[in-house]
Each structure stands twice: as structure tokens, then as C-alpha cells.
Amino acid sequence: MTTLVVIIASIIYISPVDPATLSFGQQMNQTMLEEKRKELLLDKPISTQVASYLNDLSPISVYKKQVSQKKDLKGWSIFSIGESAIWIKLPYFRKSFQTGDSVWSMVIAALPNTLILAFIAILLATIIGVFFGVIAALNRGTWIDGAIVGLSTLGYSVPSYVSAIIFSLLFGFVWREYTGLGMQGSLITLNDIGDEVIQWKNIILPSLALGVRPVAVITQICRTTMIDILGQSFVLTARSKGLTNFQVIKNHVFKNILNPLLTSISGWFAALLAGAFFVESIFNYNGMGLLTVNALINYDTPLLLGCIVVIATLFIIMNILLDFAYQWIDPRVRIKK
């Protein structure tokens, strides 16, 4: 995790764009600019800037007393050493260059929208993908199998932002009078009197656009795994006992395809959190994707780094949970201590 932060922060800090200049309007003068650059440590080497950011993220940090007073630290100062103090605290993500708001508060406000979007997208993708995969496997070699494989290959080849544009134009504009859906919109919107309301219909098109590629992958994984399992001796024995296809799939086949399905589903769920960037931008959906894109456009370094760190952390958490899920689904899997 530290290596990732160092690499990403170094790439961002080495950029020729000057965040201090972007922080001011037309009333900027050279004195104000130099003071801002000093405040943001832009006058320091890149190594110093990266080390300062790691110090802010670390749960145990060292600050000069006058510096700690300027930062909204959530923790306690343990003891002082001269002009410096050692802190135990929560990670400090700094403040946005553009708005001056806490990066953590901005991320926390946007993250639930993206999590809901990714969850609905992967849920729909799983249901549709497993259904198509089972149908294709049971009709192996027929035109049904060929059509499903062809559509899944096409679906995987189309980037999510292209699917988003197509879905937005067709269902949100051309066929709007039939679907009742709009081209853009977020999960939480303001009504006519300024109150926040939840518009569930605004999540339909983004989740479908985001789920196209996972549907294709889950379909092909389910189909390939089922074809292999259907040829196993224990399945042939079950069929010889007079069990129907439904009983064979339910009692003998499905539990054997859970491991590869779980790997694909969990991996794609984590990927959707990052892959939602352009989809959320197209639908103007207020989530982590739109927040990150806006931070990149405005070169809001603290906000951009905060979004990347949170998404990377979610990737790590998903992989850890996946290891435990394997053991729960298949008792033969054991995690070495």
C-alpha cells in the first residue's frame, strides 16, 4: 500500500501543473503565489512532498507544533520533542485545493453512491451471466450456444463508457417516453423545494452500462466450467439415477462452479469501483468516479490522491475477504497461519 501511494503521489507531484496557480483567481499576485506554494510544500523536492503526504496518512505521525495547529487532525498528541510532537491519529487526507473542504468528508459523501451502483451492477451481471452461462452449457454446440457466446464476446469488447453513451442516448433520449428514464441524474437529487430525495430510477442505466462487461465474463466462465463439470463421472452417475437437469445443476454442478464464479464476481466488483469513472461522468452520477475525474480536471491533488488511496484500500479489503470466502464455500481450502 505504501509503495502504491509513493508511486501515485510521485507521478502527480512531478506533473508540470502548478496547483498553487489554480487555487487563485484573477486577483493573484506573485507574493500570494509564493506564500501558497510554501504552504503546499511545492517549493520542496518531490521526495519531501511525498514523505509529508505519507506522514499525514500514517496513524503515527510527527509534526511541528505550528503545523499541527493548522491541520484538522483527529487524534492525540502523545508527547513533544522540542518544536515537534508525535501524534496518534486517523489518516489525514488534507483539504481540497478547489473548495477548501475536507477530502475525507467529500470521499465519504461520494463513496456510498458508488458502492450502491457497483453492487447493483454486479448483482444484475451475476444473475444474467449465470442464466446465460447455464443455457449455453446445456445447449452446447447449438445456435443458442453460438449466439450467447457471440454476444458475450461482443459485450466484453465494448468499453463501459461506450455502453454508457449508447444506453444514455437510446433509453434516456430516443425512447425516453417509453422508459421514463433521463440521460443524466444521480441517486440523490434535490426536489423543487430543495430537499434531498432518492431517485432509484437514475441508477438503472449506469448499473446496466457498468454491468455489460461483467455479464460477458461471468457468462463465459459459467459456461466453460459447467461444460467441464457436466462431463465428470459423479454427474453422469447422478443422471443415471433419474435426476432431472435442474436437480443435477442444483445439487451437484452449481456448488462446483462457485469458486471460479466468486473469483470473477469479487474481482469485477472491485474493478467496477474504479471502472465507474467515465460511466459516472457520462450520467453525471455523483460518486467516486465523478469526484475523481473532476479532481483530475481541476488538478486537485489532495482530492485526487484521497480518491485513489480509498479505492486501492477497497481492492485490498476485497482480496482479503475473498480468501475467507473461499474457505467458507469450499471446506477443503485452508488458509495457512
Foldseek 3Di string as FASTA:
>chain_A
DLVVLLVVLLVLLVDPDDLLVLLDDPPDDPVSSVVSCVLQVNVPDSVVNSVVLVQLQDQKHKDFPVNVVVAPWAFDFDDDDVRMTITGGHRQLAAWSHPRHGLVVLQVVFAVQLLVLLVLLLVVLLVLQLVLLVVLQVVPPDVSVVVLLVQLVVLQPDALLVQLVVLLCVCAPVVCVPNVHHSADAQWDADPVGDIDGDVSRSVSLSNSLNSNSSSVSNVLSNVQQNVQCPDPVLVVVVVVPDDPVCSCVPPNVLVSVLVNLVSSLVSSLVSSVSCQSSCVRRVYRHLNVQLVVCVVSVRPSNNSVSVVVSVVVNVVSVVVSLVVVCVSDVVDDDDD
